[in-house]
Amino acid sequence: MTARLALTYLYVPGDRPDRVRKALGSDADVVLCDLEDAVAPERKDEARAALVSVLAGVERRAQVRINDLASAWAASDLAAVRELPAAVGVRVPKVEDPSAVHELAAAVPGRALHLLVESALGVERAFDLARAHPQVASLGLGEADLRSELGADDDGLVWIRSRIVVAARAAGLVPPIMSVYPHVDDPLGLAESCARGRSLGFRGRAAIHPRQLTTIREAFTPTAAELARARAVVAAVESARAAGAGTAVLPDGGFVDVAMVAAARAVLALER
């Protein structure tokens, strides 16, 4: 059976094994154990050792965000990753070069790679990165560094977000998830931001605090009305096809055809 599409991702500092254990017991769909920004340079070794211990035998979905491949810490990060269960994915920041993705895949063979685009060059190469290697499992944005490089506000990133969605889907990857929302005590702003991202094709979001998870899940879970319409579309088109027709009419008068079934099924796949 295909795994349910994850909607909620929770970042946790890798040098805090207590928080990692708590995150693993949370209702986040995926736990993102961080070795990069959340861990000070002098604590990198401690964080690696902690993750190797805490994630040993882990049976839920988890990823480790390593340091930039060009950094002095990346090799040690990858050595630690190789000690983890094979199902633990690698979250890779600041990716720009498809050839580096090949080298990374060789360093952690068979392991899922989740690439983060965080620069103008990465945006320009998004599709090439997304299809760089069969181990690439997802593509996403790291928006903080990108904002700094471009001098862009939230509105200025809209077309870039769309580009990442298109690149991921064109490469046959799952829909990307949104970058973090930094304001922990602003659930309304988070919900509105998620709604905008969902309208662009994102499916899910990373959180920096457990209390953001419910808002994210609700924002990306179809409403009862959306589910009802999706079921109606599937039923109407299947009935029309059985009758030899190419189109069907819904009770509200809307015309639907086979091209709309995939979108309807995608909505139904998000039912919780």
C-alpha atoms as a PDB file:
ATOM      1  CA  MET A   1       0.000   0.000   0.000  1.00  0.00           C
ATOM      2  CA  THR A   2       1.287   3.482  -0.823  1.00  0.00           C
ATOM      3  CA  ALA A   3       2.205   5.515   2.261  1.00  0.00           C
ATOM      4  CA  ARG A   4      -0.204   8.306   3.075  1.00  0.00           C
ATOM      5  CA  LEU A   5       1.041  11.680   1.880  1.00  0.00           C
ATOM      6  CA  ALA A   6       2.658  13.451   4.819  1.00  0.00           C
ATOM      7  CA  LEU A   7       1.306  16.908   5.624  1.00  0.00           C
ATOM      8  CA  THR A   8       3.105  17.891   8.835  1.00  0.00           C
ATOM      9  CA  TYR A   9       6.867  17.980   9.333  1.00  0.00           C
ATOM     10  CA  LEU A  10       8.453  18.973  12.651  1.00  0.00           C
ATOM     11  CA  TYR A  11      11.988  20.323  12.970  1.00  0.00           C
ATOM     12  CA  VAL A  12      13.882  19.439  16.132  1.00  0.00           C
ATOM     13  CA  PRO A  13      17.502  20.214  17.137  1.00  0.00           C
ATOM     14  CA  GLY A  14      19.717  17.178  16.751  1.00  0.00           C
ATOM     15  CA  ASP A  15      21.720  18.023  19.855  1.00  0.00           C
ATOM     16  CA  ARG A  16      18.641  17.757  22.076  1.00  0.00           C
ATOM     17  CA  PRO A  17      17.888  14.025  22.344  1.00  0.00           C
ATOM     18  CA  ASP A  18      15.089  14.776  24.797  1.00  0.00           C
ATOM     19  CA  ARG A  19      13.327  16.896  22.197  1.00  0.00           C
ATOM     20  CA  VAL A  20      14.015  14.369  19.458  1.00  0.00           C
ATOM     21  CA  ARG A  21      12.341  11.642  21.518  1.00  0.00           C
ATOM     22  CA  LYS A  22       9.411  13.941  22.224  1.00  0.00           C
ATOM     23  CA  ALA A  23       9.087  14.781  18.530  1.00  0.00           C
ATOM     24  CA  LEU A  24       9.150  11.094  17.624  1.00  0.00           C
ATOM     25  CA  GLY A  25       6.194  10.638  19.956  1.00  0.00           C
ATOM     26  CA  SER A  26       4.291  13.599  18.513  1.00  0.00           C
ATOM     27  CA  ASP A  27       1.583  13.523  15.866  1.00  0.00           C
ATOM     28  CA  ALA A  28       3.874  15.025  13.218  1.00  0.00           C
ATOM     29  CA  ASP A  29       3.837  12.923  10.068  1.00  0.00           C
ATOM     30  CA  VAL A  30       7.606  13.333   9.643  1.00  0.00           C
ATOM     31  CA  VAL A  31      10.263  14.350  12.176  1.00  0.00           C
ATOM     32  CA  LEU A  32      13.095  16.506  10.792  1.00  0.00           C
ATOM     33  CA  CYS A  33      16.192  16.094  12.957  1.00  0.00           C
ATOM     34  CA  ASP A  34      18.459  19.075  12.373  1.00  0.00           C
ATOM     35  CA  LEU A  35      22.242  19.076  12.242  1.00  0.00           C
ATOM     36  CA  GLU A  36      22.419  22.413  10.433  1.00  0.00           C
ATOM     37  CA  ASP A  37      21.117  25.783  11.639  1.00  0.00           C
ATOM     38  CA  ALA A  38      19.709  24.589  14.965  1.00  0.00           C
ATOM     39  CA  VAL A  39      23.052  23.181  16.141  1.00  0.00           C
ATOM     40  CA  ALA A  40      26.030  25.354  17.084  1.00  0.00           C
ATOM     41  CA  PRO A  41      29.384  24.421  15.470  1.00  0.00           C
ATOM     42  CA  GLU A  42      30.857  23.230  18.762  1.00  0.00           C
ATOM     43  CA  ARG A  43      27.917  20.854  19.281  1.00  0.00           C
ATOM     44  CA  LYS A  44      27.857  19.172  15.862  1.00  0.00           C
ATOM     45  CA  ASP A  45      29.703  16.046  17.037  1.00  0.00           C
ATOM     46  CA  GLU A  46      27.437  15.717  20.052  1.00  0.00           C
ATOM     47  CA  ALA A  47      24.367  16.087  17.840  1.00  0.00           C
ATOM     48  CA  ARG A  48      25.510  13.369  15.435  1.00  0.00           C
ATOM     49  CA  ALA A  49      26.155  10.927  18.261  1.00  0.00           C
ATOM     50  CA  ALA A  50      22.786  11.722  19.821  1.00  0.00           C
ATOM     51  CA  LEU A  51      20.905  11.066  16.588  1.00  0.00           C
ATOM     52  CA  VAL A  52      22.702   7.788  15.950  1.00  0.00           C
ATOM     53  CA  SER A  53      21.578   6.675  19.399  1.00  0.00           C
ATOM     54  CA  VAL A  54      18.027   8.032  19.429  1.00  0.00           C
ATOM     55  CA  LEU A  55      17.142   7.037  15.861  1.00  0.00           C
ATOM     56  CA  ALA A  56      18.488   3.492  16.131  1.00  0.00           C
ATOM     57  CA  GLY A  57      15.616   1.197  15.200  1.00  0.00           C
ATOM     58  CA  VAL A  58      13.211   4.075  14.579  1.00  0.00           C
ATOM     59  CA  GLU A  59      10.066   2.869  12.805  1.00  0.00           C
ATOM     60  CA  ARG A  60       8.359   6.157  11.960  1.00  0.00           C
ATOM     61  CA  ARG A  61       9.102   8.592   9.162  1.00  0.00           C
ATOM     62  CA  ALA A  62      12.139  10.727   9.922  1.00  0.00           C
ATOM     63  CA  GLN A  63      14.774  12.732   8.080  1.00  0.00           C
ATOM     64  CA  VAL A  64      18.111  14.227   9.089  1.00  0.00           C
ATOM     65  CA  ARG A  65      18.939  17.674   7.776  1.00  0.00           C
ATOM     66  CA  ILE A  66      22.675  17.668   7.214  1.00  0.00           C
ATOM     67  CA  ASN A  67      24.930  20.676   6.797  1.00  0.00           C
ATOM     68  CA  ASP A  68      25.657  22.259   3.431  1.00  0.00           C
ATOM     69  CA  LEU A  69      27.538  19.782   1.236  1.00  0.00           C
ATOM     70  CA  ALA A  70      30.279  22.388   0.793  1.00  0.00           C
ATOM     71  CA  SER A  71      30.759  22.768   4.550  1.00  0.00           C
ATOM     72  CA  ALA A  72      33.426  21.218   6.753  1.00  0.00           C
ATOM     73  CA  TRP A  73      30.752  19.220   8.584  1.00  0.00           C
ATOM     74  CA  ALA A  74      29.039  17.433   5.707  1.00  0.00           C
ATOM     75  CA  ALA A  75      31.345  14.400   5.545  1.00  0.00           C
ATOM     76  CA  SER A  76      30.891  13.683   9.245  1.00  0.00           C
ATOM     77  CA  ASP A  77      27.144  14.195   8.912  1.00  0.00           C
ATOM     78  CA  LEU A  78      26.981  11.611   6.132  1.00  0.00           C
ATOM     79  CA  ALA A  79      29.080   9.161   8.128  1.00  0.00           C
ATOM     80  CA  ALA A  80      26.539   9.434  10.935  1.00  0.00           C
ATOM     81  CA  VAL A  81      23.628   9.056   8.515  1.00  0.00           C
ATOM     82  CA  ARG A  82      25.088   5.782   7.238  1.00  0.00           C
ATOM     83  CA  GLU A  83      24.701   4.362  10.751  1.00  0.00           C
ATOM     84  CA  LEU A  84      20.971   5.106  10.817  1.00  0.00           C
ATOM     85  CA  PRO A  85      18.121   2.826   9.689  1.00  0.00           C
ATOM     86  CA  ALA A  86      17.776   2.813   5.911  1.00  0.00           C
ATOM     87  CA  ALA A  87      14.323   4.398   6.071  1.00  0.00           C
ATOM     88  CA  VAL A  88      15.692   7.629   7.563  1.00  0.00           C
ATOM     89  CA  GLY A  89      15.936  10.179   4.754  1.00  0.00           C
ATOM     90  CA  VAL A  90      18.504  12.910   4.191  1.00  0.00           C
ATOM     91  CA  ARG A  91      17.357  16.523   4.020  1.00  0.00           C
ATOM     92  CA  VAL A  92      19.928  18.465   2.029  1.00  0.00           C
ATOM     93  CA  PRO A  93      20.168  22.273   2.310  1.00  0.00           C
ATOM     94  CA  LYS A  94      21.476  24.790  -0.202  1.00  0.00           C
ATOM     95  CA  VAL A  95      21.579  22.417  -3.160  1.00  0.00           C
ATOM     96  CA  GLU A  96      22.648  24.006  -6.452  1.00  0.00           C
ATOM     97  CA  ASP A  97      24.599  21.436  -8.460  1.00  0.00           C
ATOM     98  CA  PRO A  98      23.055  18.260  -9.948  1.00  0.00           C
ATOM     99  CA  SER A  99      26.490  16.613 -10.025  1.00  0.00           C
ATOM    100  CA  ALA A 100      26.753  17.095  -6.262  1.00  0.00           C
ATOM    101  CA  VAL A 101      23.478  15.204  -5.910  1.00  0.00           C
ATOM    102  CA  HIS A 102      25.069  12.249  -7.720  1.00  0.00           C
ATOM    103  CA  GLU A 103      28.030  12.340  -5.336  1.00  0.00           C
ATOM    104  CA  LEU A 104      25.685  12.523  -2.372  1.00  0.00           C
ATOM    105  CA  ALA A 105      23.662   9.557  -3.603  1.00  0.00           C
ATOM    106  CA  ALA A 106      26.855   7.519  -3.889  1.00  0.00           C
ATOM    107  CA  ALA A 107      27.760   8.454  -0.312  1.00  0.00           C
ATOM    108  CA  VAL A 108      24.407   7.244   1.069  1.00  0.00           C
ATOM    109  CA  PRO A 109      23.281   4.589  -1.437  1.00  0.00           C
ATOM    110  CA  GLY A 110      19.606   3.714  -1.495  1.00  0.00           C
ATOM    111  CA  ARG A 111      18.623   6.446   0.928  1.00  0.00           C
ATOM    112  CA  ALA A 112      15.900   8.989   0.080  1.00  0.00           C
ATOM    113  CA  LEU A 113      17.226  12.477  -0.632  1.00  0.00           C
ATOM    114  CA  HIS A 114      15.096  15.539   0.093  1.00  0.00           C
ATOM    115  CA  LEU A 115      16.617  18.576  -1.604  1.00  0.00           C
ATOM    116  CA  LEU A 116      16.208  22.176  -0.452  1.00  0.00           C
ATOM    117  CA  VAL A 117      16.652  25.043  -2.897  1.00  0.00           C
ATOM    118  CA  GLU A 118      17.873  28.155  -1.087  1.00  0.00           C
ATOM    119  CA  SER A 119      19.580  30.329  -3.718  1.00  0.00           C
ATOM    120  CA  ALA A 120      18.905  32.039  -7.024  1.00  0.00           C
ATOM    121  CA  LEU A 121      21.103  29.502  -8.807  1.00  0.00           C
ATOM    122  CA  GLY A 122      19.210  26.658  -7.174  1.00  0.00           C
ATOM    123  CA  VAL A 123      15.925  28.123  -8.391  1.00  0.00           C
ATOM    124  CA  GLU A 124      17.265  28.348 -11.940  1.00  0.00           C
ATOM    125  CA  ARG A 125      18.326  24.688 -11.763  1.00  0.00           C
ATOM    126  CA  ALA A 126      15.275  23.390  -9.900  1.00  0.00           C
ATOM    127  CA  PHE A 127      14.091  20.899 -12.518  1.00  0.00           C
ATOM    128  CA  ASP A 128      17.595  19.553 -13.146  1.00  0.00           C
ATOM    129  CA  LEU A 129      18.027  19.055  -9.410  1.00  0.00           C
ATOM    130  CA  ALA A 130      14.650  17.344  -9.080  1.00  0.00           C
ATOM    131  CA  ARG A 131      15.549  14.759 -11.712  1.00  0.00           C
ATOM    132  CA  ALA A 132      19.272  14.542 -10.896  1.00  0.00           C
ATOM    133  CA  HIS A 133      19.151  11.027  -9.421  1.00  0.00           C
ATOM    134  CA  PRO A 134      16.571   8.292  -8.704  1.00  0.00           C
ATOM    135  CA  GLN A 135      17.201   8.703  -4.966  1.00  0.00           C
ATOM    136  CA  VAL A 136      15.786  12.240  -5.040  1.00  0.00           C
ATOM    137  CA  ALA A 137      12.447  11.888  -3.269  1.00  0.00           C
ATOM    138  CA  SER A 138      11.361  15.505  -2.909  1.00  0.00           C
ATOM    139  CA  LEU A 139      12.223  19.103  -3.699  1.00  0.00           C
ATOM    140  CA  GLY A 140      11.514  22.070  -1.467  1.00  0.00           C
ATOM    141  CA  LEU A 141      12.404  25.658  -0.652  1.00  0.00           C
ATOM    142  CA  GLY A 142      14.517  27.071   2.132  1.00  0.00           C
ATOM    143  CA  GLU A 143      13.184  30.603   2.067  1.00  0.00           C
ATOM    144  CA  ALA A 144      15.249  32.496   4.660  1.00  0.00           C
ATOM    145  CA  ASP A 145      18.514  32.449   2.707  1.00  0.00           C
ATOM    146  CA  LEU A 146      16.687  33.030  -0.561  1.00  0.00           C
ATOM    147  CA  ARG A 147      14.938  36.116   0.816  1.00  0.00           C
ATOM    148  CA  SER A 148      18.285  37.523   1.906  1.00  0.00           C
ATOM    149  CA  GLU A 149      19.932  36.887  -1.449  1.00  0.00           C
ATOM    150  CA  LEU A 150      17.093  38.333  -3.507  1.00  0.00           C
ATOM    151  CA  GLY A 151      15.961  41.073  -1.160  1.00  0.00           C
ATOM    152  CA  ALA A 152      12.426  39.795  -1.760  1.00  0.00           C
ATOM    153  CA  ASP A 153       9.376  39.927   0.473  1.00  0.00           C
ATOM    154  CA  ASP A 154       6.710  37.247   0.709  1.00  0.00           C
ATOM    155  CA  ASP A 155       4.906  38.425  -2.420  1.00  0.00           C
ATOM    156  CA  GLY A 156       8.182  38.340  -4.317  1.00  0.00           C
ATOM    157  CA  LEU A 157       8.578  34.645  -3.586  1.00  0.00           C
ATOM    158  CA  VAL A 158       5.220  33.575  -5.043  1.00  0.00           C
ATOM    159  CA  TRP A 159       6.512  32.848  -8.538  1.00  0.00           C
ATOM    160  CA  ILE A 160       9.511  30.992  -7.077  1.00  0.00           C
ATOM    161  CA  ARG A 161       7.220  28.810  -5.007  1.00  0.00           C
ATOM    162  CA  SER A 162       5.218  28.034  -8.129  1.00  0.00           C
ATOM    163  CA  ARG A 163       8.401  27.204  -9.985  1.00  0.00           C
ATOM    164  CA  ILE A 164       9.413  24.701  -7.303  1.00  0.00           C
ATOM    165  CA  VAL A 165       5.990  23.059  -7.485  1.00  0.00           C
ATOM    166  CA  VAL A 166       6.211  22.785 -11.275  1.00  0.00           C
ATOM    167  CA  ALA A 167       9.789  21.465 -11.187  1.00  0.00           C
ATOM    168  CA  ALA A 168       8.928  18.806  -8.622  1.00  0.00           C
ATOM    169  CA  ARG A 169       5.819  17.622 -10.413  1.00  0.00           C
ATOM    170  CA  ALA A 170       7.473  17.698 -13.844  1.00  0.00           C
ATOM    171  CA  ALA A 171      10.182  15.437 -12.440  1.00  0.00           C
ATOM    172  CA  GLY A 172       7.569  13.012 -11.122  1.00  0.00           C
ATOM    173  CA  LEU A 173       8.129  13.851  -7.456  1.00  0.00           C
ATOM    174  CA  VAL A 174       5.503  14.280  -4.756  1.00  0.00           C
ATOM    175  CA  PRO A 175       4.066  17.781  -4.263  1.00  0.00           C
ATOM    176  CA  PRO A 176       6.543  19.885  -2.290  1.00  0.00           C
ATOM    177  CA  ILE A 177       5.973  21.121   1.236  1.00  0.00           C
ATOM    178  CA  MET A 178       6.169  24.746   2.318  1.00  0.00           C
ATOM    179  CA  SER A 179       9.066  26.287   4.172  1.00  0.00           C
ATOM    180  CA  VAL A 180       8.625  27.098   7.859  1.00  0.00           C
ATOM    181  CA  TYR A 181       6.456  29.927   9.171  1.00  0.00           C
ATOM    182  CA  PRO A 182       8.663  31.687  11.743  1.00  0.00           C
ATOM    183  CA  HIS A 183       5.938  33.248  13.910  1.00  0.00           C
ATOM    184  CA  VAL A 184       5.029  30.541  16.415  1.00  0.00           C
ATOM    185  CA  ASP A 185       2.314  32.567  18.150  1.00  0.00           C
ATOM    186  CA  ASP A 186       0.445  33.585  14.994  1.00  0.00           C
ATOM    187  CA  PRO A 187      -1.867  30.688  14.093  1.00  0.00           C
ATOM    188  CA  LEU A 188      -4.097  32.884  11.935  1.00  0.00           C
ATOM    189  CA  GLY A 189      -1.151  34.111   9.886  1.00  0.00           C
ATOM    190  CA  LEU A 190       0.097  30.539   9.584  1.00  0.00           C
ATOM    191  CA  ALA A 191      -3.299  29.331   8.370  1.00  0.00           C
ATOM    192  CA  GLU A 192      -3.541  32.116   5.799  1.00  0.00           C
ATOM    193  CA  SER A 193      -0.009  31.430   4.568  1.00  0.00           C
ATOM    194  CA  CYS A 194      -0.759  27.713   4.271  1.00  0.00           C
ATOM    195  CA  ALA A 195      -3.915  28.464   2.290  1.00  0.00           C
ATOM    196  CA  ARG A 196      -1.897  30.510  -0.185  1.00  0.00           C
ATOM    197  CA  GLY A 197       0.660  27.736  -0.491  1.00  0.00           C
ATOM    198  CA  ARG A 198      -2.008  25.111  -0.979  1.00  0.00           C
ATOM    199  CA  SER A 199      -3.466  27.175  -3.822  1.00  0.00           C
ATOM    200  CA  LEU A 200      -0.049  27.011  -5.528  1.00  0.00           C
ATOM    201  CA  GLY A 201       0.147  23.228  -5.265  1.00  0.00           C
ATOM    202  CA  PHE A 202       2.056  22.692  -2.019  1.00  0.00           C
ATOM    203  CA  ARG A 203       0.879  19.804   0.113  1.00  0.00           C
ATOM    204  CA  GLY A 204       2.076  20.150   3.677  1.00  0.00           C
ATOM    205  CA  ARG A 205       4.498  22.280   5.645  1.00  0.00           C
ATOM    206  CA  ALA A 206       7.446  22.151   8.004  1.00  0.00           C
ATOM    207  CA  ALA A 207       6.917  23.433  11.552  1.00  0.00           C
ATOM    208  CA  ILE A 208       9.356  24.817  14.087  1.00  0.00           C
ATOM    209  CA  HIS A 209       7.096  24.147  17.073  1.00  0.00           C
ATOM    210  CA  PRO A 210       4.609  21.356  17.868  1.00  0.00           C
ATOM    211  CA  ARG A 211       1.771  23.826  18.366  1.00  0.00           C
ATOM    212  CA  GLN A 212       1.920  24.703  14.667  1.00  0.00           C
ATOM    213  CA  LEU A 213       1.107  21.142  13.627  1.00  0.00           C
ATOM    214  CA  THR A 214      -2.669  21.264  14.077  1.00  0.00           C
ATOM    215  CA  THR A 215      -3.008  24.464  12.056  1.00  0.00           C
ATOM    216  CA  ILE A 216      -0.880  23.030   9.257  1.00  0.00           C
ATOM    217  CA  ARG A 217      -2.785  19.752   9.178  1.00  0.00           C
ATOM    218  CA  GLU A 218      -6.147  21.498   9.076  1.00  0.00           C
ATOM    219  CA  ALA A 219      -4.991  23.868   6.339  1.00  0.00           C
ATOM    220  CA  PHE A 220      -3.915  21.079   4.010  1.00  0.00           C
ATOM    221  CA  THR A 221      -6.680  18.589   4.798  1.00  0.00           C
ATOM    222  CA  PRO A 222      -9.659  18.852   2.406  1.00  0.00           C
ATOM    223  CA  THR A 223     -12.899  20.133   3.882  1.00  0.00           C
ATOM    224  CA  ALA A 224     -16.039  18.015   3.924  1.00  0.00           C
ATOM    225  CA  ALA A 225     -17.346  20.036   0.975  1.00  0.00           C
ATOM    226  CA  GLU A 226     -14.141  19.493  -1.012  1.00  0.00           C
ATOM    227  CA  LEU A 227     -14.256  15.763  -0.337  1.00  0.00           C
ATOM    228  CA  ALA A 228     -17.922  15.562  -1.318  1.00  0.00           C
ATOM    229  CA  ARG A 229     -17.270  17.348  -4.595  1.00  0.00           C
ATOM    230  CA  ALA A 230     -14.273  15.125  -5.344  1.00  0.00           C
ATOM    231  CA  ARG A 231     -16.384  12.012  -4.782  1.00  0.00           C
ATOM    232  CA  ALA A 232     -19.105  13.454  -7.001  1.00  0.00           C
ATOM    233  CA  VAL A 233     -16.603  14.143  -9.788  1.00  0.00           C
ATOM    234  CA  VAL A 234     -15.206  10.608  -9.670  1.00  0.00           C
ATOM    235  CA  ALA A 235     -18.655   9.023  -9.552  1.00  0.00           C
ATOM    236  CA  ALA A 236     -20.033  11.185 -12.370  1.00  0.00           C
ATOM    237  CA  VAL A 237     -17.114  10.564 -14.714  1.00  0.00           C
ATOM    238  CA  GLU A 238     -17.052   6.837 -14.021  1.00  0.00           C
ATOM    239  CA  SER A 239     -20.790   6.667 -14.694  1.00  0.00           C
ATOM    240  CA  ALA A 240     -20.373   8.645 -17.913  1.00  0.00           C
ATOM    241  CA  ARG A 241     -17.550   6.410 -19.113  1.00  0.00           C
ATOM    242  CA  ALA A 242     -19.632   3.319 -18.423  1.00  0.00           C
ATOM    243  CA  ALA A 243     -22.322   4.845 -20.611  1.00  0.00           C
ATOM    244  CA  GLY A 244     -19.834   5.640 -23.354  1.00  0.00           C
ATOM    245  CA  ALA A 245     -19.834   9.398 -22.754  1.00  0.00           C
ATOM    246  CA  GLY A 246     -16.766  11.590 -22.384  1.00  0.00           C
ATOM    247  CA  THR A 247     -18.266  14.223 -20.107  1.00  0.00           C
ATOM    248  CA  ALA A 248     -20.720  14.352 -17.241  1.00  0.00           C
ATOM    249  CA  VAL A 249     -22.781  16.984 -15.465  1.00  0.00           C
ATOM    250  CA  LEU A 250     -22.740  17.371 -11.693  1.00  0.00           C
ATOM    251  CA  PRO A 251     -25.911  18.145  -9.724  1.00  0.00           C
ATOM    252  CA  ASP A 252     -24.810  21.793  -9.519  1.00  0.00           C
ATOM    253  CA  GLY A 253     -24.655  21.989 -13.315  1.00  0.00           C
ATOM    254  CA  GLY A 254     -20.877  21.873 -13.611  1.00  0.00           C
ATOM    255  CA  PHE A 255     -19.365  19.910 -16.493  1.00  0.00           C
ATOM    256  CA  VAL A 256     -16.621  17.411 -15.654  1.00  0.00           C
ATOM    257  CA  ASP A 257     -14.509  15.071 -17.734  1.00  0.00           C
ATOM    258  CA  VAL A 258     -11.771  12.465 -17.382  1.00  0.00           C
ATOM    259  CA  ALA A 259      -9.076  15.130 -17.036  1.00  0.00           C
ATOM    260  CA  MET A 260     -10.607  16.203 -13.722  1.00  0.00           C
ATOM    261  CA  VAL A 261     -10.579  12.748 -12.148  1.00  0.00           C
ATOM    262  CA  ALA A 262      -6.882  12.774 -11.242  1.00  0.00           C
ATOM    263  CA  ALA A 263      -7.294  16.028  -9.332  1.00  0.00           C
ATOM    264  CA  ALA A 264     -10.366  14.658  -7.566  1.00  0.00           C
ATOM    265  CA  ARG A 265      -8.540  11.481  -6.570  1.00  0.00           C
ATOM    266  CA  ALA A 266      -5.637  13.582  -5.277  1.00  0.00           C
ATOM    267  CA  VAL A 267      -8.078  15.409  -3.005  1.00  0.00           C
ATOM    268  CA  LEU A 268      -9.519  12.124  -1.754  1.00  0.00           C
ATOM    269  CA  ALA A 269      -6.014  10.832  -1.008  1.00  0.00           C
ATOM    270  CA  LEU A 270      -5.632  13.626   1.561  1.00  0.00           C
ATOM    271  CA  GLU A 271      -8.696  12.585   3.555  1.00  0.00           C
ATOM    272  CA  ARG A 272      -7.811  12.062   7.213  1.00  0.00           C
END
